[in-house]
Amino acid sequence: EERIMCETMSSYEEEREKMASIAMQIVIHAGDARNLIMEALDHAAEGLYDQAEDKLKEAREELRQAHIFQTEVVQSEAGGKKYEYSLLFTHAQDTVMTICTEMNLAKKIISMYRKLDDRISKLEEKAEV
């Protein structure tokens, strides 16, 4: 009976470690996406829109990777697997959603920068004539 209890504890601990590892992968990918988004905004502020778009593309890939890990757990639970509540996994999900919002805002800001630059360029062209 004691041996069974130890095996159960070991399995329980393995599940918790696996969940922590998945959560950390989500946070790492989402954090990398956040850094890339900030780099994209820095490029846009300098008028380097192609570089900004490249950084956003990289950020989207990082977010996609985070979603893959998150979806693995969600689909598994939807399929009947029971998980104990994990504050770390909740934090990871919150981080992904926050950075998705940052991505949406960054895309809008970069678009606005680009339009503003175009408008200013047209005004400057008219002023030169």
C-alpha atoms as a PDB file:
ATOM      1  CA  GLU A   1       0.000   0.000   0.000  1.00  0.00           C
ATOM      2  CA  GLU A   2       2.858   2.380   0.817  1.00  0.00           C
ATOM      3  CA  ARG A   3       4.509   1.561  -2.514  1.00  0.00           C
ATOM      4  CA  ILE A   4       1.297   2.397  -4.382  1.00  0.00           C
ATOM      5  CA  MET A   5       1.101   5.710  -2.501  1.00  0.00           C
ATOM      6  CA  CYS A   6       4.695   6.560  -3.517  1.00  0.00           C
ATOM      7  CA  GLU A   7       3.976   5.678  -7.142  1.00  0.00           C
ATOM      8  CA  THR A   8       0.877   7.880  -7.049  1.00  0.00           C
ATOM      9  CA  MET A   9       2.828  10.752  -5.542  1.00  0.00           C
ATOM     10  CA  SER A  10       5.529  10.285  -8.136  1.00  0.00           C
ATOM     11  CA  SER A  11       2.958  10.356 -10.942  1.00  0.00           C
ATOM     12  CA  TYR A  12       1.291  13.404  -9.348  1.00  0.00           C
ATOM     13  CA  GLU A  13       4.627  15.200  -9.088  1.00  0.00           C
ATOM     14  CA  GLU A  14       5.474  14.277 -12.674  1.00  0.00           C
ATOM     15  CA  GLU A  15       2.167  15.789 -13.851  1.00  0.00           C
ATOM     16  CA  ARG A  16       2.802  18.969 -11.891  1.00  0.00           C
ATOM     17  CA  GLU A  17       6.326  19.233 -13.308  1.00  0.00           C
ATOM     18  CA  LYS A  18       5.003  18.643 -16.829  1.00  0.00           C
ATOM     19  CA  MET A  19       2.374  21.357 -16.354  1.00  0.00           C
ATOM     20  CA  ALA A  20       5.004  23.745 -14.980  1.00  0.00           C
ATOM     21  CA  SER A  21       7.258  22.997 -17.947  1.00  0.00           C
ATOM     22  CA  ILE A  22       4.436  23.652 -20.417  1.00  0.00           C
ATOM     23  CA  ALA A  23       3.526  26.874 -18.617  1.00  0.00           C
ATOM     24  CA  MET A  24       7.130  28.038 -18.730  1.00  0.00           C
ATOM     25  CA  GLN A  25       7.332  27.324 -22.480  1.00  0.00           C
ATOM     26  CA  ILE A  26       4.197  29.415 -22.968  1.00  0.00           C
ATOM     27  CA  VAL A  27       5.640  32.290 -20.925  1.00  0.00           C
ATOM     28  CA  ILE A  28       9.001  32.120 -22.721  1.00  0.00           C
ATOM     29  CA  HIS A  29       7.453  32.206 -26.199  1.00  0.00           C
ATOM     30  CA  ALA A  30       5.014  34.944 -25.215  1.00  0.00           C
ATOM     31  CA  GLY A  31       7.824  36.964 -23.629  1.00  0.00           C
ATOM     32  CA  ASP A  32       9.912  36.611 -26.777  1.00  0.00           C
ATOM     33  CA  ALA A  33       6.896  37.819 -28.769  1.00  0.00           C
ATOM     34  CA  ARG A  34       6.599  40.857 -26.496  1.00  0.00           C
ATOM     35  CA  ASN A  35      10.262  41.753 -27.051  1.00  0.00           C
ATOM     36  CA  LEU A  36       9.830  41.431 -30.819  1.00  0.00           C
ATOM     37  CA  ILE A  37       6.711  43.610 -30.713  1.00  0.00           C
ATOM     38  CA  MET A  38       8.657  46.310 -28.887  1.00  0.00           C
ATOM     39  CA  GLU A  39      11.429  46.074 -31.489  1.00  0.00           C
ATOM     40  CA  ALA A  40       8.799  46.419 -34.229  1.00  0.00           C
ATOM     41  CA  LEU A  41       7.449  49.570 -32.600  1.00  0.00           C
ATOM     42  CA  ASP A  42      10.991  50.968 -32.303  1.00  0.00           C
ATOM     43  CA  HIS A  43      11.539  50.334 -36.027  1.00  0.00           C
ATOM     44  CA  ALA A  44       8.224  51.991 -36.875  1.00  0.00           C
ATOM     45  CA  ALA A  45       9.153  55.028 -34.805  1.00  0.00           C
ATOM     46  CA  GLU A  46      12.257  55.334 -37.015  1.00  0.00           C
ATOM     47  CA  GLY A  47      10.183  54.943 -40.183  1.00  0.00           C
ATOM     48  CA  LEU A  48      11.617  51.479 -40.888  1.00  0.00           C
ATOM     49  CA  TYR A  49       8.311  49.813 -41.717  1.00  0.00           C
ATOM     50  CA  ASP A  50       9.650  46.758 -43.527  1.00  0.00           C
ATOM     51  CA  GLN A  51      11.807  45.900 -40.509  1.00  0.00           C
ATOM     52  CA  ALA A  52       8.830  46.564 -38.224  1.00  0.00           C
ATOM     53  CA  GLU A  53       6.685  44.149 -40.244  1.00  0.00           C
ATOM     54  CA  ASP A  54       9.451  41.533 -40.119  1.00  0.00           C
ATOM     55  CA  LYS A  55       9.567  41.797 -36.328  1.00  0.00           C
ATOM     56  CA  LEU A  56       5.781  41.470 -36.109  1.00  0.00           C
ATOM     57  CA  LYS A  57       5.981  38.358 -38.280  1.00  0.00           C
ATOM     58  CA  GLU A  58       8.558  36.877 -35.880  1.00  0.00           C
ATOM     59  CA  ALA A  59       6.368  37.855 -32.927  1.00  0.00           C
ATOM     60  CA  ARG A  60       3.358  36.128 -34.512  1.00  0.00           C
ATOM     61  CA  GLU A  61       5.404  32.941 -34.816  1.00  0.00           C
ATOM     62  CA  GLU A  62       6.379  33.125 -31.133  1.00  0.00           C
ATOM     63  CA  LEU A  63       2.731  33.599 -30.172  1.00  0.00           C
ATOM     64  CA  ARG A  64       1.797  30.673 -32.408  1.00  0.00           C
ATOM     65  CA  GLN A  65       4.298  28.501 -30.544  1.00  0.00           C
ATOM     66  CA  ALA A  66       2.849  29.625 -27.205  1.00  0.00           C
ATOM     67  CA  HIS A  67      -0.649  28.764 -28.457  1.00  0.00           C
ATOM     68  CA  ILE A  68       0.489  25.292 -29.507  1.00  0.00           C
ATOM     69  CA  PHE A  69       1.567  24.521 -25.925  1.00  0.00           C
ATOM     70  CA  GLN A  70      -1.584  26.082 -24.478  1.00  0.00           C
ATOM     71  CA  THR A  71      -3.863  24.242 -26.894  1.00  0.00           C
ATOM     72  CA  GLU A  72      -2.225  20.919 -26.022  1.00  0.00           C
ATOM     73  CA  VAL A  73      -3.383  21.284 -22.419  1.00  0.00           C
ATOM     74  CA  VAL A  74      -6.812  22.715 -23.232  1.00  0.00           C
ATOM     75  CA  GLN A  75      -7.603  19.967 -25.757  1.00  0.00           C
ATOM     76  CA  SER A  76      -6.367  17.308 -23.378  1.00  0.00           C
ATOM     77  CA  GLU A  77      -8.643  18.624 -20.637  1.00  0.00           C
ATOM     78  CA  ALA A  78     -11.559  18.894 -23.067  1.00  0.00           C
ATOM     79  CA  GLY A  79     -10.907  15.244 -23.873  1.00  0.00           C
ATOM     80  CA  GLY A  80     -11.443  14.259 -20.250  1.00  0.00           C
ATOM     81  CA  LYS A  81      -7.997  14.539 -18.640  1.00  0.00           C
ATOM     82  CA  LYS A  82      -8.224  16.114 -15.199  1.00  0.00           C
ATOM     83  CA  TYR A  83      -5.669  18.710 -14.168  1.00  0.00           C
ATOM     84  CA  GLU A  84      -5.156  20.306 -10.812  1.00  0.00           C
ATOM     85  CA  TYR A  85      -5.437  24.101 -10.836  1.00  0.00           C
ATOM     86  CA  SER A  86      -2.072  25.667 -11.659  1.00  0.00           C
ATOM     87  CA  LEU A  87      -1.380  29.293 -10.888  1.00  0.00           C
ATOM     88  CA  LEU A  88       1.624  29.133 -13.209  1.00  0.00           C
ATOM     89  CA  PHE A  89      -0.514  27.877 -16.119  1.00  0.00           C
ATOM     90  CA  THR A  90      -3.104  30.581 -15.411  1.00  0.00           C
ATOM     91  CA  HIS A  91      -0.321  33.174 -15.441  1.00  0.00           C
ATOM     92  CA  ALA A  92       0.932  31.751 -18.746  1.00  0.00           C
ATOM     93  CA  GLN A  93      -2.524  32.011 -20.323  1.00  0.00           C
ATOM     94  CA  ASP A  94      -2.906  35.551 -19.022  1.00  0.00           C
ATOM     95  CA  THR A  95       0.497  36.455 -20.447  1.00  0.00           C
ATOM     96  CA  VAL A  96      -0.423  35.118 -23.888  1.00  0.00           C
ATOM     97  CA  MET A  97      -3.706  37.020 -23.954  1.00  0.00           C
ATOM     98  CA  THR A  98      -2.031  40.239 -22.829  1.00  0.00           C
ATOM     99  CA  ILE A  99       0.630  39.952 -25.501  1.00  0.00           C
ATOM    100  CA  CYS A 100      -2.008  39.162 -28.143  1.00  0.00           C
ATOM    101  CA  THR A 101      -3.579  42.485 -27.204  1.00  0.00           C
ATOM    102  CA  GLU A 102      -0.186  44.184 -27.441  1.00  0.00           C
ATOM    103  CA  MET A 103       0.241  42.629 -30.901  1.00  0.00           C
ATOM    104  CA  ASN A 104      -3.108  43.999 -32.055  1.00  0.00           C
ATOM    105  CA  LEU A 105      -2.275  47.446 -30.719  1.00  0.00           C
ATOM    106  CA  ALA A 106       1.212  47.394 -32.255  1.00  0.00           C
ATOM    107  CA  LYS A 107      -0.208  46.512 -35.674  1.00  0.00           C
ATOM    108  CA  LYS A 108      -2.633  49.419 -35.395  1.00  0.00           C
ATOM    109  CA  ILE A 109       0.045  51.842 -34.179  1.00  0.00           C
ATOM    110  CA  ILE A 110       2.419  50.854 -36.987  1.00  0.00           C
ATOM    111  CA  SER A 111      -0.369  51.306 -39.527  1.00  0.00           C
ATOM    112  CA  MET A 112      -1.082  54.748 -38.078  1.00  0.00           C
ATOM    113  CA  TYR A 113       2.607  55.713 -38.197  1.00  0.00           C
ATOM    114  CA  ARG A 114       2.778  54.622 -41.832  1.00  0.00           C
ATOM    115  CA  LYS A 115      -0.339  56.620 -42.796  1.00  0.00           C
ATOM    116  CA  LEU A 116       0.883  59.659 -40.930  1.00  0.00           C
ATOM    117  CA  ASP A 117       4.268  59.482 -42.675  1.00  0.00           C
ATOM    118  CA  ASP A 118       2.503  59.207 -46.046  1.00  0.00           C
ATOM    119  CA  ARG A 119       0.363  62.238 -45.288  1.00  0.00           C
ATOM    120  CA  ILE A 120       3.365  64.272 -44.157  1.00  0.00           C
ATOM    121  CA  SER A 121       5.312  63.280 -47.288  1.00  0.00           C
ATOM    122  CA  LYS A 122       2.440  64.428 -49.499  1.00  0.00           C
ATOM    123  CA  LEU A 123       2.246  67.737 -47.664  1.00  0.00           C
ATOM    124  CA  GLU A 124       6.013  68.214 -48.019  1.00  0.00           C
ATOM    125  CA  GLU A 125       5.788  67.475 -51.750  1.00  0.00           C
ATOM    126  CA  LYS A 126       3.058  70.107 -52.158  1.00  0.00           C
ATOM    127  CA  ALA A 127       5.091  72.621 -50.175  1.00  0.00           C
ATOM    128  CA  GLU A 128       8.091  72.133 -52.486  1.00  0.00           C
ATOM    129  CA  VAL A 129       6.057  72.857 -55.620  1.00  0.00           C
END
